[in-house]
Amino acid sequence: IFGNWRPVGIAIGSSLYGFVEGVRLCCSGETIVALVLLVSLALAAL
């Protein structure tokens, strides 16, 4: 649904999911704090 029934859109949505999940798995606490700020900025742009 996120990718509007197209392969490229599905790949973009999966990359966003994978990036957040990847940061959670392998990065430090300061990086996760930065992720919170990025989420806030992304929602502001939206």
PDB file of all heavy atoms in Angstrom:
ATOM      1  N   ILE A   1       0.839  -1.201   0.000  1.00  0.00           N
ATOM      2  CA  ILE A   1       0.000   0.000   0.000  1.00  0.00           C
ATOM      3  C   ILE A   1       0.870   1.246   0.000  1.00  0.00           C
ATOM      4  O   ILE A   1       0.632   2.199  -0.745  1.00  0.00           O
ATOM      5  CB  ILE A   1      -0.941  -0.013   1.215  1.00  0.00           C
ATOM      6  CG1 ILE A   1      -1.769  -1.298   1.229  1.00  0.00           C
ATOM      7  CG2 ILE A   1      -1.853   1.205   1.219  1.00  0.00           C
ATOM      8  CD1 ILE A   1      -2.562  -1.508   2.494  1.00  0.00           C
ATOM      9  N   PHE A   2       1.908   1.248   0.840  1.00  0.00           N
ATOM     10  CA  PHE A   2       2.817   2.393   0.905  1.00  0.00           C
ATOM     11  C   PHE A   2       3.445   2.663  -0.465  1.00  0.00           C
ATOM     12  O   PHE A   2       3.597   3.826  -0.868  1.00  0.00           O
ATOM     13  CB  PHE A   2       3.908   2.111   1.936  1.00  0.00           C
ATOM     14  CG  PHE A   2       4.963   3.186   2.022  1.00  0.00           C
ATOM     15  CD1 PHE A   2       4.796   4.256   2.878  1.00  0.00           C
ATOM     16  CD2 PHE A   2       6.110   3.108   1.261  1.00  0.00           C
ATOM     17  CE1 PHE A   2       5.762   5.242   2.965  1.00  0.00           C
ATOM     18  CE2 PHE A   2       7.080   4.095   1.339  1.00  0.00           C
ATOM     19  CZ  PHE A   2       6.908   5.163   2.194  1.00  0.00           C
ATOM     20  N   GLY A   3       3.834   1.614  -1.177  1.00  0.00           N
ATOM     21  CA  GLY A   3       4.483   1.756  -2.472  1.00  0.00           C
ATOM     22  C   GLY A   3       3.546   1.896  -3.642  1.00  0.00           C
ATOM     23  O   GLY A   3       3.998   1.862  -4.792  1.00  0.00           O
ATOM     24  N   ASN A   4       2.238   2.052  -3.369  1.00  0.00           N
ATOM     25  CA  ASN A   4       1.243   2.255  -4.431  1.00  0.00           C
ATOM     26  C   ASN A   4       1.270   1.123  -5.461  1.00  0.00           C
ATOM     27  O   ASN A   4       1.149   1.355  -6.658  1.00  0.00           O
ATOM     28  CB  ASN A   4       1.455   3.610  -5.114  1.00  0.00           C
ATOM     29  CG  ASN A   4       0.192   4.134  -5.757  1.00  0.00           C
ATOM     30  OD1 ASN A   4      -0.906   3.596  -5.561  1.00  0.00           O
ATOM     31  ND2 ASN A   4       0.325   5.170  -6.558  1.00  0.00           N
ATOM     32  N   TRP A   5       1.463  -0.097  -5.005  1.00  0.00           N
ATOM     33  CA  TRP A   5       1.398  -1.287  -5.844  1.00  0.00           C
ATOM     34  C   TRP A   5       2.434  -1.256  -6.973  1.00  0.00           C
ATOM     35  O   TRP A   5       2.171  -1.696  -8.082  1.00  0.00           O
ATOM     36  CB  TRP A   5      -0.016  -1.468  -6.408  1.00  0.00           C
ATOM     37  CG  TRP A   5      -0.994  -1.859  -5.350  1.00  0.00           C
ATOM     38  CD1 TRP A   5      -1.353  -3.137  -5.003  1.00  0.00           C
ATOM     39  CD2 TRP A   5      -1.713  -1.001  -4.468  1.00  0.00           C
ATOM     40  NE1 TRP A   5      -2.254  -3.110  -3.969  1.00  0.00           N
ATOM     41  CE2 TRP A   5      -2.507  -1.822  -3.622  1.00  0.00           C
ATOM     42  CE3 TRP A   5      -1.785   0.378  -4.314  1.00  0.00           C
ATOM     43  CZ2 TRP A   5      -3.342  -1.295  -2.649  1.00  0.00           C
ATOM     44  CZ3 TRP A   5      -2.604   0.895  -3.336  1.00  0.00           C
ATOM     45  CH2 TRP A   5      -3.381   0.076  -2.521  1.00  0.00           C
ATOM     46  N   ARG A   6       3.631  -0.759  -6.639  1.00  0.00           N
ATOM     47  CA  ARG A   6       4.734  -0.729  -7.605  1.00  0.00           C
ATOM     48  C   ARG A   6       6.017  -1.206  -6.919  1.00  0.00           C
ATOM     49  O   ARG A   6       6.256  -0.887  -5.747  1.00  0.00           O
ATOM     50  CB  ARG A   6       4.936   0.673  -8.177  1.00  0.00           C
ATOM     51  CG  ARG A   6       3.792   1.109  -9.096  1.00  0.00           C
ATOM     52  CD  ARG A   6       4.012   2.488  -9.664  1.00  0.00           C
ATOM     53  NE  ARG A   6       2.944   2.823 -10.594  1.00  0.00           N
ATOM     54  CZ  ARG A   6       2.942   2.549 -11.889  1.00  0.00           C
ATOM     55  NH1 ARG A   6       3.975   1.894 -12.414  1.00  0.00           N
ATOM     56  NH2 ARG A   6       1.934   2.895 -12.663  1.00  0.00           N
ATOM     57  N   PRO A   7       6.877  -1.951  -7.644  1.00  0.00           N
ATOM     58  CA  PRO A   7       8.092  -2.504  -7.019  1.00  0.00           C
ATOM     59  C   PRO A   7       9.006  -1.449  -6.422  1.00  0.00           C
ATOM     60  O   PRO A   7       9.544  -1.636  -5.329  1.00  0.00           O
ATOM     61  CB  PRO A   7       8.769  -3.251  -8.176  1.00  0.00           C
ATOM     62  CG  PRO A   7       7.663  -3.589  -9.120  1.00  0.00           C
ATOM     63  CD  PRO A   7       6.693  -2.456  -9.023  1.00  0.00           C
ATOM     64  N   VAL A   8       9.215  -0.330  -7.125  1.00  0.00           N
ATOM     65  CA  VAL A   8      10.125   0.695  -6.606  1.00  0.00           C
ATOM     66  C   VAL A   8       9.576   1.291  -5.313  1.00  0.00           C
ATOM     67  O   VAL A   8      10.307   1.513  -4.344  1.00  0.00           O
ATOM     68  CB  VAL A   8      10.348   1.790  -7.663  1.00  0.00           C
ATOM     69  CG1 VAL A   8      11.183   2.928  -7.080  1.00  0.00           C
ATOM     70  CG2 VAL A   8      11.049   1.212  -8.891  1.00  0.00           C
ATOM     71  N   GLY A   9       8.268   1.552  -5.274  1.00  0.00           N
ATOM     72  CA  GLY A   9       7.665   2.084  -4.059  1.00  0.00           C
ATOM     73  C   GLY A   9       7.780   1.122  -2.894  1.00  0.00           C
ATOM     74  O   GLY A   9       8.040   1.533  -1.748  1.00  0.00           O
ATOM     75  N   ILE A  10       7.600  -0.169  -3.166  1.00  0.00           N
ATOM     76  CA  ILE A  10       7.751  -1.181  -2.109  1.00  0.00           C
ATOM     77  C   ILE A  10       9.189  -1.206  -1.611  1.00  0.00           C
ATOM     78  O   ILE A  10       9.444  -1.331  -0.402  1.00  0.00           O
ATOM     79  CB  ILE A  10       7.321  -2.563  -2.641  1.00  0.00           C
ATOM     80  CG1 ILE A  10       5.829  -2.562  -2.959  1.00  0.00           C
ATOM     81  CG2 ILE A  10       7.646  -3.654  -1.628  1.00  0.00           C
ATOM     82  CD1 ILE A  10       5.365  -3.806  -3.678  1.00  0.00           C
ATOM     83  N   ALA A  11      10.157  -1.078  -2.535  1.00  0.00           N
ATOM     84  CA  ALA A  11      11.563  -1.068  -2.140  1.00  0.00           C
ATOM     85  C   ALA A  11      11.886   0.141  -1.268  1.00  0.00           C
ATOM     86  O   ALA A  11      12.625   0.029  -0.277  1.00  0.00           O
ATOM     87  CB  ALA A  11      12.446  -1.070  -3.388  1.00  0.00           C
ATOM     88  N   ILE A  12      11.324   1.301  -1.588  1.00  0.00           N
ATOM     89  CA  ILE A  12      11.566   2.504  -0.788  1.00  0.00           C
ATOM     90  C   ILE A  12      10.978   2.339   0.614  1.00  0.00           C
ATOM     91  O   ILE A  12      11.635   2.630   1.622  1.00  0.00           O
ATOM     92  CB  ILE A  12      10.974   3.738  -1.486  1.00  0.00           C
ATOM     93  CG1 ILE A  12      11.737   4.032  -2.779  1.00  0.00           C
ATOM     94  CG2 ILE A  12      11.023   4.956  -0.566  1.00  0.00           C
ATOM     95  CD1 ILE A  12      11.121   5.125  -3.626  1.00  0.00           C
ATOM     96  N   GLY A  13       9.740   1.877   0.684  1.00  0.00           N
ATOM     97  CA  GLY A  13       9.126   1.666   1.992  1.00  0.00           C
ATOM     98  C   GLY A  13       9.873   0.644   2.829  1.00  0.00           C
ATOM     99  O   GLY A  13      10.087   0.843   4.035  1.00  0.00           O
ATOM    100  N   SER A  14      10.301  -0.440   2.200  1.00  0.00           N
ATOM    101  CA  SER A  14      11.053  -1.468   2.933  1.00  0.00           C
ATOM    102  C   SER A  14      12.404  -0.938   3.396  1.00  0.00           C
ATOM    103  O   SER A  14      12.898  -1.331   4.464  1.00  0.00           O
ATOM    104  CB  SER A  14      11.251  -2.696   2.037  1.00  0.00           C
ATOM    105  OG  SER A  14      10.020  -3.216   1.603  1.00  0.00           O
ATOM    106  N   SER A  15      13.016  -0.040   2.601  1.00  0.00           N
ATOM    107  CA  SER A  15      14.299   0.548   2.998  1.00  0.00           C
ATOM    108  C   SER A  15      14.131   1.425   4.235  1.00  0.00           C
ATOM    109  O   SER A  15      14.987   1.414   5.131  1.00  0.00           O
ATOM    110  CB  SER A  15      14.876   1.372   1.841  1.00  0.00           C
ATOM    111  OG  SER A  15      15.107   0.555   0.705  1.00  0.00           O
ATOM    112  N   LEU A  16      13.043   2.196   4.284  1.00  0.00           N
ATOM    113  CA  LEU A  16      12.798   3.024   5.471  1.00  0.00           C
ATOM    114  C   LEU A  16      12.601   2.158   6.710  1.00  0.00           C
ATOM    115  O   LEU A  16      13.156   2.439   7.781  1.00  0.00           O
ATOM    116  CB  LEU A  16      11.569   3.904   5.235  1.00  0.00           C
ATOM    117  CG  LEU A  16      11.709   5.011   4.182  1.00  0.00           C
ATOM    118  CD1 LEU A  16      10.366   5.692   3.955  1.00  0.00           C
ATOM    119  CD2 LEU A  16      12.765   6.022   4.601  1.00  0.00           C
ATOM    120  N   TYR A  17      11.805   1.101   6.553  1.00  0.00           N
ATOM    121  CA  TYR A  17      11.612   0.172   7.668  1.00  0.00           C
ATOM    122  C   TYR A  17      12.948  -0.454   8.074  1.00  0.00           C
ATOM    123  O   TYR A  17      13.287  -0.529   9.264  1.00  0.00           O
ATOM    124  CB  TYR A  17      10.619  -0.912   7.266  1.00  0.00           C
ATOM    125  CG  TYR A  17      10.535  -2.057   8.259  1.00  0.00           C
ATOM    126  CD1 TYR A  17       9.672  -2.006   9.337  1.00  0.00           C
ATOM    127  CD2 TYR A  17      11.339  -3.189   8.104  1.00  0.00           C
ATOM    128  CE1 TYR A  17       9.607  -3.043  10.252  1.00  0.00           C
ATOM    129  CE2 TYR A  17      11.281  -4.236   9.008  1.00  0.00           C
ATOM    130  CZ  TYR A  17      10.413  -4.158  10.077  1.00  0.00           C
ATOM    131  OH  TYR A  17      10.363  -5.191  10.970  1.00  0.00           O
ATOM    132  N   GLY A  18      13.712  -0.915   7.076  1.00  0.00           N
ATOM    133  CA  GLY A  18      14.978  -1.564   7.360  1.00  0.00           C
ATOM    134  C   GLY A  18      15.979  -0.626   8.015  1.00  0.00           C
ATOM    135  O   GLY A  18      16.751  -1.041   8.885  1.00  0.00           O
ATOM    136  N   PHE A  19      15.959   0.668   7.617  1.00  0.00           N
ATOM    137  CA  PHE A  19      16.903   1.612   8.202  1.00  0.00           C
ATOM    138  C   PHE A  19      16.630   1.802   9.692  1.00  0.00           C
ATOM    139  O   PHE A  19      17.548   1.765  10.515  1.00  0.00           O
ATOM    140  CB  PHE A  19      16.814   2.947   7.465  1.00  0.00           C
ATOM    141  CG  PHE A  19      17.743   3.999   8.019  1.00  0.00           C
ATOM    142  CD1 PHE A  19      19.107   3.904   7.820  1.00  0.00           C
ATOM    143  CD2 PHE A  19      17.248   5.065   8.747  1.00  0.00           C
ATOM    144  CE1 PHE A  19      19.977   4.858   8.336  1.00  0.00           C
ATOM    145  CE2 PHE A  19      18.099   6.030   9.271  1.00  0.00           C
ATOM    146  CZ  PHE A  19      19.464   5.927   9.060  1.00  0.00           C
ATOM    147  N   VAL A  20      15.366   2.006  10.050  1.00  0.00           N
ATOM    148  CA  VAL A  20      15.024   2.183  11.457  1.00  0.00           C
ATOM    149  C   VAL A  20      15.347   0.916  12.250  1.00  0.00           C
ATOM    150  O   VAL A  20      15.913   0.969  13.347  1.00  0.00           O
ATOM    151  CB  VAL A  20      13.535   2.553  11.607  1.00  0.00           C
ATOM    152  CG1 VAL A  20      13.154   2.685  13.070  1.00  0.00           C
ATOM    153  CG2 VAL A  20      13.233   3.848  10.875  1.00  0.00           C
ATOM    154  N   GLU A  21      15.012  -0.237  11.687  1.00  0.00           N
ATOM    155  CA  GLU A  21      15.299  -1.506  12.367  1.00  0.00           C
ATOM    156  C   GLU A  21      16.798  -1.754  12.451  1.00  0.00           C
ATOM    157  O   GLU A  21      17.315  -2.241  13.475  1.00  0.00           O
ATOM    158  CB  GLU A  21      14.612  -2.646  11.607  1.00  0.00           C
ATOM    159  CG  GLU A  21      14.749  -4.012  12.240  1.00  0.00           C
ATOM    160  CD  GLU A  21      13.910  -4.183  13.491  1.00  0.00           C
ATOM    161  OE1 GLU A  21      13.180  -3.245  13.866  1.00  0.00           O
ATOM    162  OE2 GLU A  21      13.981  -5.265  14.092  1.00  0.00           O
ATOM    163  N   GLY A  22      17.539  -1.397  11.387  1.00  0.00           N
ATOM    164  CA  GLY A  22      18.992  -1.575  11.398  1.00  0.00           C
ATOM    165  C   GLY A  22      19.677  -0.701  12.422  1.00  0.00           C
ATOM    166  O   GLY A  22      20.613  -1.131  13.107  1.00  0.00           O
ATOM    167  N   VAL A  23      19.230   0.562  12.551  1.00  0.00           N
ATOM    168  CA  VAL A  23      19.792   1.455  13.561  1.00  0.00           C
ATOM    169  C   VAL A  23      19.542   0.891  14.952  1.00  0.00           C
ATOM    170  O   VAL A  23      20.413   0.929  15.828  1.00  0.00           O
ATOM    171  CB  VAL A  23      19.182   2.869  13.411  1.00  0.00           C
ATOM    172  CG1 VAL A  23      19.504   3.721  14.633  1.00  0.00           C
ATOM    173  CG2 VAL A  23      19.707   3.532  12.150  1.00  0.00           C
ATOM    174  N   ARG A  24      18.361   0.343  15.159  1.00  0.00           N
ATOM    175  CA  ARG A  24      18.045  -0.241  16.469  1.00  0.00           C
ATOM    176  C   ARG A  24      18.973  -1.404  16.800  1.00  0.00           C
ATOM    177  O   ARG A  24      19.395  -1.581  17.950  1.00  0.00           O
ATOM    178  CB  ARG A  24      16.597  -0.719  16.490  1.00  0.00           C
ATOM    179  CG  ARG A  24      16.197  -1.377  17.799  1.00  0.00           C
ATOM    180  CD  ARG A  24      14.791  -1.917  17.738  1.00  0.00           C
ATOM    181  NE  ARG A  24      14.683  -3.104  16.931  1.00  0.00           N
ATOM    182  CZ  ARG A  24      14.999  -4.335  17.347  1.00  0.00           C
ATOM    183  NH1 ARG A  24      15.462  -4.507  18.565  1.00  0.00           N
ATOM    184  NH2 ARG A  24      14.869  -5.371  16.556  1.00  0.00           N
ATOM    185  N   LEU A  25      19.304  -2.201  15.797  1.00  0.00           N
ATOM    186  CA  LEU A  25      20.060  -3.425  16.043  1.00  0.00           C
ATOM    187  C   LEU A  25      21.544  -3.181  16.235  1.00  0.00           C
ATOM    188  O   LEU A  25      22.196  -3.884  17.008  1.00  0.00           O
ATOM    189  CB  LEU A  25      19.852  -4.406  14.877  1.00  0.00           C
ATOM    190  CG  LEU A  25      18.462  -5.027  14.750  1.00  0.00           C
ATOM    191  CD1 LEU A  25      18.360  -5.841  13.462  1.00  0.00           C
ATOM    192  CD2 LEU A  25      18.154  -5.908  15.947  1.00  0.00           C
ATOM    193  N   CYS A  26      22.109  -2.206  15.523  1.00  0.00           N
ATOM    194  CA  CYS A  26      23.572  -2.145  15.484  1.00  0.00           C
ATOM    195  C   CYS A  26      24.173  -0.833  15.964  1.00  0.00           C
ATOM    196  O   CYS A  26      25.403  -0.724  15.990  1.00  0.00           O
ATOM    197  CB  CYS A  26      24.062  -2.425  14.054  1.00  0.00           C
ATOM    198  SG  CYS A  26      23.712  -1.082  12.886  1.00  0.00           S
ATOM    199  N   CYS A  27      23.361   0.157  16.305  1.00  0.00           N
ATOM    200  CA  CYS A  27      23.920   1.469  16.602  1.00  0.00           C
ATOM    201  C   CYS A  27      23.827   1.807  18.083  1.00  0.00           C
ATOM    202  O   CYS A  27      23.100   1.180  18.847  1.00  0.00           O
ATOM    203  CB  CYS A  27      23.214   2.545  15.766  1.00  0.00           C
ATOM    204  SG  CYS A  27      23.520   2.361  13.985  1.00  0.00           S
ATOM    205  N   SER A  28      24.541   2.850  18.451  1.00  0.00           N
ATOM    206  CA  SER A  28      24.626   3.260  19.850  1.00  0.00           C
ATOM    207  C   SER A  28      23.384   4.039  20.274  1.00  0.00           C
ATOM    208  O   SER A  28      22.547   4.422  19.452  1.00  0.00           O
ATOM    209  CB  SER A  28      25.868   4.135  20.043  1.00  0.00           C
ATOM    210  OG  SER A  28      25.762   5.315  19.257  1.00  0.00           O
ATOM    211  N   GLY A  29      23.299   4.313  21.588  1.00  0.00           N
ATOM    212  CA  GLY A  29      22.150   5.041  22.106  1.00  0.00           C
ATOM    213  C   GLY A  29      22.048   6.448  21.560  1.00  0.00           C
ATOM    214  O   GLY A  29      20.952   6.969  21.328  1.00  0.00           O
ATOM    215  N   GLU A  30      23.197   7.128  21.338  1.00  0.00           N
ATOM    216  CA  GLU A  30      23.178   8.487  20.790  1.00  0.00           C
ATOM    217  C   GLU A  30      22.601   8.497  19.380  1.00  0.00           C
ATOM    218  O   GLU A  30      21.917   9.449  18.986  1.00  0.00           O
ATOM    219  CB  GLU A  30      24.592   9.061  20.784  1.00  0.00           C
ATOM    220  CG  GLU A  30      24.657  10.544  20.471  1.00  0.00           C
ATOM    221  CD  GLU A  30      23.982  11.396  21.528  1.00  0.00           C
ATOM    222  OE1 GLU A  30      24.018  11.016  22.709  1.00  0.00           O
ATOM    223  OE2 GLU A  30      23.408  12.434  21.162  1.00  0.00           O
ATOM    224  N   THR A  31      22.852   7.445  18.628  1.00  0.00           N
ATOM    225  CA  THR A  31      22.304   7.358  17.272  1.00  0.00           C
ATOM    226  C   THR A  31      20.796   7.205  17.312  1.00  0.00           C
ATOM    227  O   THR A  31      20.079   7.788  16.486  1.00  0.00           O
ATOM    228  CB  THR A  31      22.942   6.174  16.525  1.00  0.00           C
ATOM    229  OG1 THR A  31      24.367   6.312  16.554  1.00  0.00           O
ATOM    230  CG2 THR A  31      22.473   6.134  15.090  1.00  0.00           C
ATOM    231  N   ILE A  32      20.284   6.454  18.255  1.00  0.00           N
ATOM    232  CA  ILE A  32      18.833   6.291  18.385  1.00  0.00           C
ATOM    233  C   ILE A  32      18.184   7.600  18.817  1.00  0.00           C
ATOM    234  O   ILE A  32      17.075   7.935  18.392  1.00  0.00           O
ATOM    235  CB  ILE A  32      18.520   5.150  19.366  1.00  0.00           C
ATOM    236  CG1 ILE A  32      19.097   3.832  18.831  1.00  0.00           C
ATOM    237  CG2 ILE A  32      17.027   5.017  19.596  1.00  0.00           C
ATOM    238  CD1 ILE A  32      18.963   2.662  19.765  1.00  0.00           C
ATOM    239  N   VAL A  33      18.880   8.377  19.637  1.00  0.00           N
ATOM    240  CA  VAL A  33      18.388   9.709  19.992  1.00  0.00           C
ATOM    241  C   VAL A  33      18.291  10.583  18.744  1.00  0.00           C
ATOM    242  O   VAL A  33      17.322  11.324  18.546  1.00  0.00           O
ATOM    243  CB  VAL A  33      19.310  10.353  21.051  1.00  0.00           C
ATOM    244  CG1 VAL A  33      18.933  11.808  21.272  1.00  0.00           C
ATOM    245  CG2 VAL A  33      19.239   9.585  22.357  1.00  0.00           C
ATOM    246  N   ALA A  34      19.297  10.511  17.881  1.00  0.00           N
ATOM    247  CA  ALA A  34      19.262  11.260  16.621  1.00  0.00           C
ATOM    248  C   ALA A  34      18.095  10.817  15.758  1.00  0.00           C
ATOM    249  O   ALA A  34      17.492  11.630  15.038  1.00  0.00           O
ATOM    250  CB  ALA A  34      20.582  11.071  15.867  1.00  0.00           C
ATOM    251  N   LEU A  35      17.765   9.539  15.833  1.00  0.00           N
ATOM    252  CA  LEU A  35      16.643   9.029  15.055  1.00  0.00           C
ATOM    253  C   LEU A  35      15.329   9.659  15.515  1.00  0.00           C
ATOM    254  O   LEU A  35      14.439   9.929  14.703  1.00  0.00           O
ATOM    255  CB  LEU A  35      16.583   7.503  15.181  1.00  0.00           C
ATOM    256  CG  LEU A  35      15.644   6.766  14.229  1.00  0.00           C
ATOM    257  CD1 LEU A  35      16.063   6.977  12.788  1.00  0.00           C
ATOM    258  CD2 LEU A  35      15.630   5.285  14.552  1.00  0.00           C
ATOM    259  N   VAL A  36      15.189   9.917  16.817  1.00  0.00           N
ATOM    260  CA  VAL A  36      13.989  10.580  17.331  1.00  0.00           C
ATOM    261  C   VAL A  36      13.850  11.972  16.725  1.00  0.00           C
ATOM    262  O   VAL A  36      12.764  12.388  16.301  1.00  0.00           O
ATOM    263  CB  VAL A  36      14.041  10.654  18.873  1.00  0.00           C
ATOM    264  CG1 VAL A  36      12.874  11.478  19.407  1.00  0.00           C
ATOM    265  CG2 VAL A  36      14.023   9.259  19.469  1.00  0.00           C
ATOM    266  N   LEU A  37      14.961  12.706  16.657  1.00  0.00           N
ATOM    267  CA  LEU A  37      14.925  14.046  16.054  1.00  0.00           C
ATOM    268  C   LEU A  37      14.581  13.962  14.578  1.00  0.00           C
ATOM    269  O   LEU A  37      13.812  14.792  14.063  1.00  0.00           O
ATOM    270  CB  LEU A  37      16.279  14.733  16.259  1.00  0.00           C
ATOM    271  CG  LEU A  37      16.415  16.140  15.652  1.00  0.00           C
ATOM    272  CD1 LEU A  37      15.356  17.078  16.198  1.00  0.00           C
ATOM    273  CD2 LEU A  37      17.815  16.696  15.905  1.00  0.00           C
ATOM    274  N   LEU A  38      15.128  12.981  13.884  1.00  0.00           N
ATOM    275  CA  LEU A  38      14.824  12.825  12.455  1.00  0.00           C
ATOM    276  C   LEU A  38      13.345  12.527  12.235  1.00  0.00           C
ATOM    277  O   LEU A  38      12.740  13.044  11.284  1.00  0.00           O
ATOM    278  CB  LEU A  38      15.680  11.706  11.856  1.00  0.00           C
ATOM    279  CG  LEU A  38      17.118  12.055  11.497  1.00  0.00           C
ATOM    280  CD1 LEU A  38      17.850  10.816  11.003  1.00  0.00           C
ATOM    281  CD2 LEU A  38      17.154  13.147  10.445  1.00  0.00           C
ATOM    282  N   VAL A  39      12.772  11.703  13.087  1.00  0.00           N
ATOM    283  CA  VAL A  39      11.347  11.399  12.963  1.00  0.00           C
ATOM    284  C   VAL A  39      10.518  12.669  13.145  1.00  0.00           C
ATOM    285  O   VAL A  39       9.570  12.930  12.391  1.00  0.00           O
ATOM    286  CB  VAL A  39      10.930  10.329  13.992  1.00  0.00           C
ATOM    287  CG1 VAL A  39       9.415  10.172  14.034  1.00  0.00           C
ATOM    288  CG2 VAL A  39      11.578   8.995  13.653  1.00  0.00           C
ATOM    289  N   SER A  40      10.890  13.496  14.116  1.00  0.00           N
ATOM    290  CA  SER A  40      10.174  14.746  14.341  1.00  0.00           C
ATOM    291  C   SER A  40      10.272  15.662  13.128  1.00  0.00           C
ATOM    292  O   SER A  40       9.279  16.256  12.695  1.00  0.00           O
ATOM    293  CB  SER A  40      10.738  15.443  15.579  1.00  0.00           C
ATOM    294  OG  SER A  40      10.112  16.695  15.780  1.00  0.00           O
ATOM    295  N   LEU A  41      11.462  15.780  12.548  1.00  0.00           N
ATOM    296  CA  LEU A  41      11.638  16.634  11.373  1.00  0.00           C
ATOM    297  C   LEU A  41      10.888  16.090  10.158  1.00  0.00           C
ATOM    298  O   LEU A  41      10.305  16.862   9.382  1.00  0.00           O
ATOM    299  CB  LEU A  41      13.131  16.763  11.052  1.00  0.00           C
ATOM    300  CG  LEU A  41      13.979  17.500  12.095  1.00  0.00           C
ATOM    301  CD1 LEU A  41      15.453  17.437  11.716  1.00  0.00           C
ATOM    302  CD2 LEU A  41      13.518  18.946  12.239  1.00  0.00           C
ATOM    303  N   ALA A  42      10.893  14.771   9.990  1.00  0.00           N
ATOM    304  CA  ALA A  42      10.172  14.169   8.860  1.00  0.00           C
ATOM    305  C   ALA A  42       8.675  14.424   8.980  1.00  0.00           C
ATOM    306  O   ALA A  42       7.996  14.740   7.988  1.00  0.00           O
ATOM    307  CB  ALA A  42      10.461  12.669   8.800  1.00  0.00           C
ATOM    308  N   LEU A  43       8.142  14.299  10.185  1.00  0.00           N
ATOM    309  CA  LEU A  43       6.715  14.555  10.378  1.00  0.00           C
ATOM    310  C   LEU A  43       6.384  16.032  10.190  1.00  0.00           C
ATOM    311  O   LEU A  43       5.306  16.380   9.687  1.00  0.00           O
ATOM    312  CB  LEU A  43       6.302  14.100  11.772  1.00  0.00           C
ATOM    313  CG  LEU A  43       6.287  12.576  11.987  1.00  0.00           C
ATOM    314  CD1 LEU A  43       6.044  12.250  13.448  1.00  0.00           C
ATOM    315  CD2 LEU A  43       5.244  11.915  11.118  1.00  0.00           C
ATOM    316  N   ALA A  44       7.311  16.927  10.574  1.00  0.00           N
ATOM    317  CA  ALA A  44       7.088  18.355  10.341  1.00  0.00           C
ATOM    318  C   ALA A  44       7.030  18.656   8.844  1.00  0.00           C
ATOM    319  O   ALA A  44       6.176  19.434   8.383  1.00  0.00           O
ATOM    320  CB  ALA A  44       8.194  19.164  11.014  1.00  0.00           C
ATOM    321  N   ALA A  45       7.934  18.046   8.070  1.00  0.00           N
ATOM    322  CA  ALA A  45       7.900  18.238   6.616  1.00  0.00           C
ATOM    323  C   ALA A  45       6.610  17.678   6.025  1.00  0.00           C
ATOM    324  O   ALA A  45       6.017  18.261   5.100  1.00  0.00           O
ATOM    325  CB  ALA A  45       9.119  17.566   5.982  1.00  0.00           C
ATOM    326  N   LEU A  46       6.166  16.544   6.552  1.00  0.00           N
ATOM    327  CA  LEU A  46       4.911  15.952   6.083  1.00  0.00           C
ATOM    328  C   LEU A  46       3.729  16.867   6.404  1.00  0.00           C
ATOM    329  O   LEU A  46       2.798  17.012   5.604  1.00  0.00           O
ATOM    330  CB  LEU A  46       4.720  14.585   6.730  1.00  0.00           C
ATOM    331  CG  LEU A  46       3.534  13.738   6.249  1.00  0.00           C
ATOM    332  CD1 LEU A  46       3.645  13.462   4.763  1.00  0.00           C
ATOM    333  CD2 LEU A  46       3.472  12.437   7.023  1.00  0.00           C
TER     334      LEU A  46
END
